[in-house]
Amino acid sequence: MKARLAASAALALGIIVGASGCSMITYQATTEVYDPSDGVAANVGDLDLRNILIVMEEGADEGNLVFTVANSGDDAELTAEPKSGEPVTIEIGQNQQVVLGGGDEDPLLLEGIDTTPGAMLEVYFHADGAAGLEIRVPVLDGRLPEYRKLVP
């Protein structure tokens, strides 16, 4: 009787370990942070920058910088300086979330940039009192319908 009880307990333990053991040693893809869209993401101080991309026409020297910024702190001034071209500065209010360069907003133009669609352009983002960050931002064109209206 004791042997039968011990065998049942061992079998139950084996089933439990077999059924749940994979999740203890298997790589969990859901723990990885990734950018689910065409743009990239970054954090600069209290500012969370999401889905950053540039939309432009082939052969142009200006592009529309498109991204969403969420400010979890006080009023801030965010500056985006492309490796080539003129910097732009944006005011972001306290605890505000703003979509820049897209939707009903005017384009946020980066002028004098030397790049083409399909490339990555280094843009240095910095805000008040926070360490800056250089990000490789994808440059797209208006071939896709969702980006067509974003071309300057």
Foldseek 3Di string as FASTA:
>chain_A
DVVVVVVVVVVVVVVVCVVPVCVVPPDDPVVDDDQPDQKDWDDWVQKTKHRWAWEEAFPAQKTFTWIKIFGQAAWKKKWKAWPFFDIDIDIDHHRDMDTALDDPHPGPMGGRHDDGAPAWIWIWMHMPPTDIDTDTTHYHYLPDPRCVVSYD
